[in-house]
Amino acid sequence: CKDCWKSYLSNSVSEGISCVVTNCPAPSCGYLVPKDVFEQVLDPDKLRQYKKFVIDSYVSENPKVKWCPFPGCEYSVFCDRPNRIEPVTCN
């Protein structure tokens, strides 16, 4: 039921970044809910929140990606060089 999924996923997004690992609500199912299901049932505002959580999760879990250090910047920085000594700048 689409309304059931919408309610379930909306509640999951309301709980925060943990929504990126939302499991299927069926009691014996351990599968993660795929991104396309979120895209099909969520309203635009909740979907925007979900997508922001996906990006935040990726940046926080990836040691080679960090948020840009420039105040107010919403971009991330990828660095594949260990022992980097040059500062990161944002243009």
PDB file of N, CA and C in Angstrom:
ATOM      1  N   CYS A   1       0.854  -1.172   0.000  1.00  0.00           N
ATOM      2  CA  CYS A   1       0.000   0.000   0.000  1.00  0.00           C
ATOM      3  C   CYS A   1       0.898   1.233   0.000  1.00  0.00           C
ATOM      4  N   LYS A   2       0.700   2.091  -0.982  1.00  0.00           N
ATOM      5  CA  LYS A   2       1.567   3.262  -1.135  1.00  0.00           C
ATOM      6  C   LYS A   2       1.469   4.199   0.062  1.00  0.00           C
ATOM      7  N   ASP A   3       0.270   4.378   0.609  1.00  0.00           N
ATOM      8  CA  ASP A   3       0.115   5.246   1.778  1.00  0.00           C
ATOM      9  C   ASP A   3       0.871   4.691   2.989  1.00  0.00           C
ATOM     10  N   CYS A   4       0.869   3.380   3.143  1.00  0.00           N
ATOM     11  CA  CYS A   4       1.600   2.752   4.244  1.00  0.00           C
ATOM     12  C   CYS A   4       3.104   2.988   4.097  1.00  0.00           C
ATOM     13  N   TRP A   5       3.609   2.790   2.889  1.00  0.00           N
ATOM     14  CA  TRP A   5       5.030   3.024   2.633  1.00  0.00           C
ATOM     15  C   TRP A   5       5.391   4.493   2.857  1.00  0.00           C
ATOM     16  N   LYS A   6       4.523   5.377   2.396  1.00  0.00           N
ATOM     17  CA  LYS A   6       4.787   6.810   2.562  1.00  0.00           C
ATOM     18  C   LYS A   6       4.895   7.166   4.046  1.00  0.00           C
ATOM     19  N   SER A   7       3.974   6.671   4.827  1.00  0.00           N
ATOM     20  CA  SER A   7       3.990   6.940   6.270  1.00  0.00           C
ATOM     21  C   SER A   7       5.238   6.336   6.921  1.00  0.00           C
ATOM     22  N   TYR A   8       5.541   5.105   6.576  1.00  0.00           N
ATOM     23  CA  TYR A   8       6.694   4.401   7.142  1.00  0.00           C
ATOM     24  C   TYR A   8       7.997   5.137   6.818  1.00  0.00           C
ATOM     25  N   LEU A   9       8.177   5.507   5.552  1.00  0.00           N
ATOM     26  CA  LEU A   9       9.423   6.155   5.146  1.00  0.00           C
ATOM     27  C   LEU A   9       9.496   7.603   5.622  1.00  0.00           C
ATOM     28  N   SER A  10       8.368   8.293   5.682  1.00  0.00           N
ATOM     29  CA  SER A  10       8.349   9.657   6.222  1.00  0.00           C
ATOM     30  C   SER A  10       8.779   9.656   7.684  1.00  0.00           C
ATOM     31  N   ASN A  11       8.260   8.701   8.439  1.00  0.00           N
ATOM     32  CA  ASN A  11       8.655   8.574   9.847  1.00  0.00           C
ATOM     33  C   ASN A  11      10.138   8.254   9.974  1.00  0.00           C
ATOM     34  N   SER A  12      10.629   7.413   9.092  1.00  0.00           N
ATOM     35  CA  SER A  12      12.040   7.052   9.116  1.00  0.00           C
ATOM     36  C   SER A  12      12.912   8.284   8.866  1.00  0.00           C
ATOM     37  N   VAL A  13      12.545   9.101   7.880  1.00  0.00           N
ATOM     38  CA  VAL A  13      13.301  10.316   7.574  1.00  0.00           C
ATOM     39  C   VAL A  13      13.235  11.290   8.747  1.00  0.00           C
ATOM     40  N   SER A  14      12.095  11.356   9.409  1.00  0.00           N
ATOM     41  CA  SER A  14      11.935  12.246  10.560  1.00  0.00           C
ATOM     42  C   SER A  14      12.860  11.864  11.717  1.00  0.00           C
ATOM     43  N   GLU A  15      13.278  10.613  11.763  1.00  0.00           N
ATOM     44  CA  GLU A  15      14.167  10.152  12.825  1.00  0.00           C
ATOM     45  C   GLU A  15      15.623  10.533  12.583  1.00  0.00           C
ATOM     46  N   GLY A  16      15.952  11.009  11.383  1.00  0.00           N
ATOM     47  CA  GLY A  16      17.309  11.483  11.129  1.00  0.00           C
ATOM     48  C   GLY A  16      18.096  10.637  10.159  1.00  0.00           C
ATOM     49  N   ILE A  17      19.405  10.795  10.239  1.00  0.00           N
ATOM     50  CA  ILE A  17      20.321  10.203   9.266  1.00  0.00           C
ATOM     51  C   ILE A  17      20.246   8.675   9.206  1.00  0.00           C
ATOM     52  N   SER A  18      19.755   8.059  10.262  1.00  0.00           N
ATOM     53  CA  SER A  18      19.643   6.596  10.261  1.00  0.00           C
ATOM     54  C   SER A  18      18.672   6.098   9.195  1.00  0.00           C
ATOM     55  N   CYS A  19      17.892   7.000   8.600  1.00  0.00           N
ATOM     56  CA  CYS A  19      16.948   6.590   7.555  1.00  0.00           C
ATOM     57  C   CYS A  19      17.646   5.984   6.340  1.00  0.00           C
ATOM     58  N   VAL A  20      18.932   6.262   6.169  1.00  0.00           N
ATOM     59  CA  VAL A  20      19.633   5.722   4.996  1.00  0.00           C
ATOM     60  C   VAL A  20      19.812   4.216   5.074  1.00  0.00           C
ATOM     61  N   VAL A  21      19.576   3.646   6.250  1.00  0.00           N
ATOM     62  CA  VAL A  21      19.636   2.185   6.406  1.00  0.00           C
ATOM     63  C   VAL A  21      18.295   1.663   6.921  1.00  0.00           C
ATOM     64  N   THR A  22      17.224   2.142   6.315  1.00  0.00           N
ATOM     65  CA  THR A  22      15.879   1.703   6.684  1.00  0.00           C
ATOM     66  C   THR A  22      15.616   0.316   6.119  1.00  0.00           C
ATOM     67  N   ASN A  23      15.206  -0.584   6.994  1.00  0.00           N
ATOM     68  CA  ASN A  23      14.859  -1.939   6.567  1.00  0.00           C
ATOM     69  C   ASN A  23      13.405  -2.015   6.137  1.00  0.00           C
ATOM     70  N   CYS A  24      13.118  -3.001   5.319  1.00  0.00           N
ATOM     71  CA  CYS A  24      11.749  -3.311   4.934  1.00  0.00           C
ATOM     72  C   CYS A  24      10.934  -3.531   6.207  1.00  0.00           C
ATOM     73  N   PRO A  25       9.684  -3.050   6.256  1.00  0.00           N
ATOM     74  CA  PRO A  25       8.889  -3.192   7.478  1.00  0.00           C
ATOM     75  C   PRO A  25       8.332  -4.598   7.732  1.00  0.00           C
ATOM     76  N   ALA A  26       8.436  -5.475   6.765  1.00  0.00           N
ATOM     77  CA  ALA A  26       7.947  -6.844   6.986  1.00  0.00           C
ATOM     78  C   ALA A  26       8.788  -7.508   8.074  1.00  0.00           C
ATOM     79  N   PRO A  27       8.157  -8.156   9.041  1.00  0.00           N
ATOM     80  CA  PRO A  27       8.874  -8.705  10.194  1.00  0.00           C
ATOM     81  C   PRO A  27      10.020  -9.659   9.857  1.00  0.00           C
ATOM     82  N   SER A  28       9.878 -10.463   8.837  1.00  0.00           N
ATOM     83  CA  SER A  28      10.927 -11.445   8.544  1.00  0.00           C
ATOM     84  C   SER A  28      11.854 -11.004   7.411  1.00  0.00           C
ATOM     85  N   CYS A  29      11.736  -9.759   6.976  1.00  0.00           N
ATOM     86  CA  CYS A  29      12.556  -9.265   5.867  1.00  0.00           C
ATOM     87  C   CYS A  29      13.700  -8.409   6.406  1.00  0.00           C
ATOM     88  N   GLY A  30      14.888  -8.666   5.945  1.00  0.00           N
ATOM     89  CA  GLY A  30      16.044  -7.896   6.404  1.00  0.00           C
ATOM     90  C   GLY A  30      16.618  -6.980   5.338  1.00  0.00           C
ATOM     91  N   TYR A  31      15.922  -6.854   4.210  1.00  0.00           N
ATOM     92  CA  TYR A  31      16.443  -6.039   3.117  1.00  0.00           C
ATOM     93  C   TYR A  31      16.322  -4.546   3.417  1.00  0.00           C
ATOM     94  N   LEU A  32      17.308  -3.792   2.932  1.00  0.00           N
ATOM     95  CA  LEU A  32      17.230  -2.341   3.030  1.00  0.00           C
ATOM     96  C   LEU A  32      16.259  -1.819   1.986  1.00  0.00           C
ATOM     97  N   VAL A  33      15.541  -0.762   2.324  1.00  0.00           N
ATOM     98  CA  VAL A  33      14.626  -0.134   1.371  1.00  0.00           C
ATOM     99  C   VAL A  33      15.482   0.607   0.350  1.00  0.00           C
ATOM    100  N   PRO A  34      15.325   0.304  -0.943  1.00  0.00           N
ATOM    101  CA  PRO A  34      16.126   0.969  -1.974  1.00  0.00           C
ATOM    102  C   PRO A  34      15.744   2.438  -2.149  1.00  0.00           C
ATOM    103  N   LYS A  35      16.711   3.198  -2.643  1.00  0.00           N
ATOM    104  CA  LYS A  35      16.525   4.634  -2.862  1.00  0.00           C
ATOM    105  C   LYS A  35      15.317   4.923  -3.741  1.00  0.00           C
ATOM    106  N   ASP A  36      15.083   4.098  -4.761  1.00  0.00           N
ATOM    107  CA  ASP A  36      13.979   4.382  -5.683  1.00  0.00           C
ATOM    108  C   ASP A  36      12.612   4.275  -5.010  1.00  0.00           C
ATOM    109  N   VAL A  37      12.505   3.487  -3.947  1.00  0.00           N
ATOM    110  CA  VAL A  37      11.233   3.414  -3.213  1.00  0.00           C
ATOM    111  C   VAL A  37      11.003   4.740  -2.476  1.00  0.00           C
ATOM    112  N   PHE A  38      12.052   5.263  -1.850  1.00  0.00           N
ATOM    113  CA  PHE A  38      11.941   6.580  -1.214  1.00  0.00           C
ATOM    114  C   PHE A  38      11.499   7.613  -2.260  1.00  0.00           C
ATOM    115  N   GLU A  39      12.113   7.565  -3.432  1.00  0.00           N
ATOM    116  CA  GLU A  39      11.806   8.542  -4.486  1.00  0.00           C
ATOM    117  C   GLU A  39      10.371   8.426  -4.989  1.00  0.00           C
ATOM    118  N   GLN A  40       9.819   7.234  -4.966  1.00  0.00           N
ATOM    119  CA  GLN A  40       8.468   7.011  -5.473  1.00  0.00           C
ATOM    120  C   GLN A  40       7.378   7.434  -4.509  1.00  0.00           C
ATOM    121  N   VAL A  41       7.648   7.396  -3.198  1.00  0.00           N
ATOM    122  CA  VAL A  41       6.553   7.613  -2.251  1.00  0.00           C
ATOM    123  C   VAL A  41       6.648   8.892  -1.421  1.00  0.00           C
ATOM    124  N   LEU A  42       7.841   9.441  -1.245  1.00  0.00           N
ATOM    125  CA  LEU A  42       7.971  10.610  -0.380  1.00  0.00           C
ATOM    126  C   LEU A  42       7.552  11.900  -1.075  1.00  0.00           C
ATOM    127  N   ASP A  43       7.027  12.829  -0.291  1.00  0.00           N
ATOM    128  CA  ASP A  43       6.729  14.146  -0.843  1.00  0.00           C
ATOM    129  C   ASP A  43       8.056  14.883  -1.045  1.00  0.00           C
ATOM    130  N   PRO A  44       8.073  15.950  -1.843  1.00  0.00           N
ATOM    131  CA  PRO A  44       9.340  16.624  -2.189  1.00  0.00           C
ATOM    132  C   PRO A  44      10.189  17.067  -0.997  1.00  0.00           C
ATOM    133  N   ASP A  45       9.564  17.588   0.052  1.00  0.00           N
ATOM    134  CA  ASP A  45      10.346  18.047   1.211  1.00  0.00           C
ATOM    135  C   ASP A  45      11.039  16.893   1.924  1.00  0.00           C
ATOM    136  N   LYS A  46      10.324  15.813   2.153  1.00  0.00           N
ATOM    137  CA  LYS A  46      10.912  14.642   2.815  1.00  0.00           C
ATOM    138  C   LYS A  46      11.982  14.006   1.941  1.00  0.00           C
ATOM    139  N   LEU A  47      11.746  13.991   0.634  1.00  0.00           N
ATOM    140  CA  LEU A  47      12.731  13.423  -0.278  1.00  0.00           C
ATOM    141  C   LEU A  47      14.015  14.251  -0.263  1.00  0.00           C
ATOM    142  N   ARG A  48      13.887  15.562  -0.190  1.00  0.00           N
ATOM    143  CA  ARG A  48      15.054  16.446  -0.089  1.00  0.00           C
ATOM    144  C   ARG A  48      15.842  16.135   1.195  1.00  0.00           C
ATOM    145  N   GLN A  49      15.135  15.960   2.290  1.00  0.00           N
ATOM    146  CA  GLN A  49      15.784  15.600   3.554  1.00  0.00           C
ATOM    147  C   GLN A  49      16.510  14.266   3.430  1.00  0.00           C
ATOM    148  N   TYR A  50      15.825  13.290   2.845  1.00  0.00           N
ATOM    149  CA  TYR A  50      16.416  11.963   2.678  1.00  0.00           C
ATOM    150  C   TYR A  50      17.709  12.052   1.858  1.00  0.00           C
ATOM    151  N   LYS A  51      17.669  12.765   0.749  1.00  0.00           N
ATOM    152  CA  LYS A  51      18.855  12.885  -0.109  1.00  0.00           C
ATOM    153  C   LYS A  51      19.998  13.578   0.624  1.00  0.00           C
ATOM    154  N   LYS A  52      19.679  14.563   1.447  1.00  0.00           N
ATOM    155  CA  LYS A  52      20.715  15.251   2.247  1.00  0.00           C
ATOM    156  C   LYS A  52      21.326  14.263   3.240  1.00  0.00           C
ATOM    157  N   PHE A  53      20.505  13.437   3.847  1.00  0.00           N
ATOM    158  CA  PHE A  53      21.026  12.432   4.783  1.00  0.00           C
ATOM    159  C   PHE A  53      21.918  11.411   4.066  1.00  0.00           C
ATOM    160  N   VAL A  54      21.574  11.045   2.846  1.00  0.00           N
ATOM    161  CA  VAL A  54      22.397  10.104   2.080  1.00  0.00           C
ATOM    162  C   VAL A  54      23.787  10.709   1.843  1.00  0.00           C
ATOM    163  N   ILE A  55      23.822  11.967   1.449  1.00  0.00           N
ATOM    164  CA  ILE A  55      25.106  12.646   1.212  1.00  0.00           C
ATOM    165  C   ILE A  55      25.891  12.774   2.516  1.00  0.00           C
ATOM    166  N   ASP A  56      25.224  13.218   3.572  1.00  0.00           N
ATOM    167  CA  ASP A  56      25.889  13.356   4.869  1.00  0.00           C
ATOM    168  C   ASP A  56      26.481  12.028   5.336  1.00  0.00           C
ATOM    169  N   SER A  57      25.728  10.971   5.138  1.00  0.00           N
ATOM    170  CA  SER A  57      26.180   9.643   5.534  1.00  0.00           C
ATOM    171  C   SER A  57      27.417   9.232   4.737  1.00  0.00           C
ATOM    172  N   TYR A  58      27.399   9.487   3.437  1.00  0.00           N
ATOM    173  CA  TYR A  58      28.542   9.143   2.589  1.00  0.00           C
ATOM    174  C   TYR A  58      29.793   9.888   3.043  1.00  0.00           C
ATOM    175  N   VAL A  59      29.660  11.182   3.284  1.00  0.00           N
ATOM    176  CA  VAL A  59      30.820  11.979   3.687  1.00  0.00           C
ATOM    177  C   VAL A  59      31.336  11.523   5.054  1.00  0.00           C
ATOM    178  N   SER A  60      30.446  11.269   5.988  1.00  0.00           N
ATOM    179  CA  SER A  60      30.892  10.890   7.327  1.00  0.00           C
ATOM    180  C   SER A  60      31.505   9.487   7.372  1.00  0.00           C
ATOM    181  N   GLU A  61      31.100   8.601   6.461  1.00  0.00           N
ATOM    182  CA  GLU A  61      31.612   7.227   6.466  1.00  0.00           C
ATOM    183  C   GLU A  61      32.837   7.024   5.583  1.00  0.00           C
ATOM    184  N   ASN A  62      33.173   7.984   4.751  1.00  0.00           N
ATOM    185  CA  ASN A  62      34.276   7.830   3.814  1.00  0.00           C
ATOM    186  C   ASN A  62      35.482   8.630   4.308  1.00  0.00           C
ATOM    187  N   PRO A  63      36.576   7.954   4.673  1.00  0.00           N
ATOM    188  CA  PRO A  63      37.734   8.680   5.211  1.00  0.00           C
ATOM    189  C   PRO A  63      38.429   9.575   4.182  1.00  0.00           C
ATOM    190  N   LYS A  64      38.139   9.393   2.906  1.00  0.00           N
ATOM    191  CA  LYS A  64      38.765  10.215   1.868  1.00  0.00           C
ATOM    192  C   LYS A  64      37.926  11.427   1.493  1.00  0.00           C
ATOM    193  N   VAL A  65      36.788  11.590   2.133  1.00  0.00           N
ATOM    194  CA  VAL A  65      35.905  12.712   1.822  1.00  0.00           C
ATOM    195  C   VAL A  65      35.635  13.491   3.099  1.00  0.00           C
ATOM    196  N   LYS A  66      35.749  14.797   2.989  1.00  0.00           N
ATOM    197  CA  LYS A  66      35.472  15.685   4.121  1.00  0.00           C
ATOM    198  C   LYS A  66      34.668  16.867   3.607  1.00  0.00           C
ATOM    199  N   TRP A  67      33.975  17.533   4.516  1.00  0.00           N
ATOM    200  CA  TRP A  67      33.269  18.749   4.145  1.00  0.00           C
ATOM    201  C   TRP A  67      34.270  19.852   3.912  1.00  0.00           C
ATOM    202  N   CYS A  68      33.987  20.724   2.976  1.00  0.00           N
ATOM    203  CA  CYS A  68      34.835  21.876   2.701  1.00  0.00           C
ATOM    204  C   CYS A  68      34.965  22.684   3.991  1.00  0.00           C
ATOM    205  N   PRO A  69      36.181  23.129   4.317  1.00  0.00           N
ATOM    206  CA  PRO A  69      36.377  23.873   5.566  1.00  0.00           C
ATOM    207  C   PRO A  69      35.934  25.339   5.501  1.00  0.00           C
ATOM    208  N   PHE A  70      35.579  25.834   4.329  1.00  0.00           N
ATOM    209  CA  PHE A  70      35.172  27.232   4.212  1.00  0.00           C
ATOM    210  C   PHE A  70      33.815  27.430   4.893  1.00  0.00           C
ATOM    211  N   PRO A  71      33.705  28.410   5.788  1.00  0.00           N
ATOM    212  CA  PRO A  71      32.431  28.622   6.504  1.00  0.00           C
ATOM    213  C   PRO A  71      31.251  28.831   5.549  1.00  0.00           C
ATOM    214  N   GLY A  72      30.196  28.067   5.778  1.00  0.00           N
ATOM    215  CA  GLY A  72      28.985  28.193   4.980  1.00  0.00           C
ATOM    216  C   GLY A  72      28.972  27.390   3.690  1.00  0.00           C
ATOM    217  N   CYS A  73      30.095  26.789   3.325  1.00  0.00           N
ATOM    218  CA  CYS A  73      30.155  26.000   2.086  1.00  0.00           C
ATOM    219  C   CYS A  73      29.507  24.641   2.322  1.00  0.00           C
ATOM    220  N   GLU A  74      28.717  24.187   1.363  1.00  0.00           N
ATOM    221  CA  GLU A  74      28.028  22.906   1.494  1.00  0.00           C
ATOM    222  C   GLU A  74      28.629  21.816   0.610  1.00  0.00           C
ATOM    223  N   TYR A  75      29.812  22.087   0.041  1.00  0.00           N
ATOM    224  CA  TYR A  75      30.461  21.110  -0.823  1.00  0.00           C
ATOM    225  C   TYR A  75      31.387  20.204  -0.012  1.00  0.00           C
ATOM    226  N   SER A  76      31.665  19.046  -0.571  1.00  0.00           N
ATOM    227  CA  SER A  76      32.618  18.141   0.059  1.00  0.00           C
ATOM    228  C   SER A  76      33.893  18.123  -0.767  1.00  0.00           C
ATOM    229  N   VAL A  77      34.955  17.640  -0.143  1.00  0.00           N
ATOM    230  CA  VAL A  77      36.270  17.601  -0.761  1.00  0.00           C
ATOM    231  C   VAL A  77      36.745  16.158  -0.738  1.00  0.00           C
ATOM    232  N   PHE A  78      37.235  15.671  -1.884  1.00  0.00           N
ATOM    233  CA  PHE A  78      37.772  14.314  -1.977  1.00  0.00           C
ATOM    234  C   PHE A  78      39.289  14.416  -2.064  1.00  0.00           C
ATOM    235  N   CYS A  79      39.982  13.643  -1.259  1.00  0.00           N
ATOM    236  CA  CYS A  79      41.437  13.617  -1.297  1.00  0.00           C
ATOM    237  C   CYS A  79      41.895  12.179  -1.180  1.00  0.00           C
ATOM    238  N   ASP A  80      42.570  11.720  -2.218  1.00  0.00           N
ATOM    239  CA  ASP A  80      43.035  10.332  -2.249  1.00  0.00           C
ATOM    240  C   ASP A  80      44.531  10.246  -1.947  1.00  0.00           C
ATOM    241  N   ARG A  81      45.080  11.303  -1.357  1.00  0.00           N
ATOM    242  CA  ARG A  81      46.507  11.293  -1.061  1.00  0.00           C
ATOM    243  C   ARG A  81      46.726  11.239   0.450  1.00  0.00           C
ATOM    244  N   PRO A  82      47.266  10.133   0.926  1.00  0.00           N
ATOM    245  CA  PRO A  82      47.586  10.098   2.356  1.00  0.00           C
ATOM    246  C   PRO A  82      48.730  11.073   2.641  1.00  0.00           C
ATOM    247  N   ASN A  83      48.805  11.554   3.834  1.00  0.00           N
ATOM    248  CA  ASN A  83      49.864  12.473   4.257  1.00  0.00           C
ATOM    249  C   ASN A  83      49.828  13.813   3.536  1.00  0.00           C
ATOM    250  N   ARG A  84      48.673  14.226   3.094  1.00  0.00           N
ATOM    251  CA  ARG A  84      48.526  15.522   2.426  1.00  0.00           C
ATOM    252  C   ARG A  84      48.906  16.617   3.412  1.00  0.00           C
ATOM    253  N   ILE A  85      49.717  17.566   2.956  1.00  0.00           N
ATOM    254  CA  ILE A  85      50.117  18.656   3.848  1.00  0.00           C
ATOM    255  C   ILE A  85      49.586  20.011   3.378  1.00  0.00           C
ATOM    256  N   GLU A  86      49.171  20.120   2.101  1.00  0.00           N
ATOM    257  CA  GLU A  86      48.647  21.388   1.602  1.00  0.00           C
ATOM    258  C   GLU A  86      47.263  21.609   2.171  1.00  0.00           C
ATOM    259  N   PRO A  87      46.935  22.861   2.525  1.00  0.00           N
ATOM    260  CA  PRO A  87      45.572  23.123   3.023  1.00  0.00           C
ATOM    261  C   PRO A  87      44.554  23.037   1.887  1.00  0.00           C
ATOM    262  N   VAL A  88      43.348  22.707   2.239  1.00  0.00           N
ATOM    263  CA  VAL A  88      42.255  22.662   1.280  1.00  0.00           C
ATOM    264  C   VAL A  88      41.634  24.048   1.203  1.00  0.00           C
ATOM    265  N   THR A  89      41.411  24.520  -0.014  1.00  0.00           N
ATOM    266  CA  THR A  89      40.758  25.826  -0.175  1.00  0.00           C
ATOM    267  C   THR A  89      39.533  25.644  -1.043  1.00  0.00           C
ATOM    268  N   CYS A  90      38.576  26.523  -0.870  1.00  0.00           N
ATOM    269  CA  CYS A  90      37.363  26.491  -1.666  1.00  0.00           C
ATOM    270  C   CYS A  90      37.286  27.782  -2.449  1.00  0.00           C
ATOM    271  N   ASN A  91      37.002  27.675  -3.720  1.00  0.00           N
ATOM    272  CA  ASN A  91      36.917  28.879  -4.563  1.00  0.00           C
ATOM    273  C   ASN A  91      35.489  29.264  -4.780  1.00  0.00           C
TER     274      ASN A  91
END
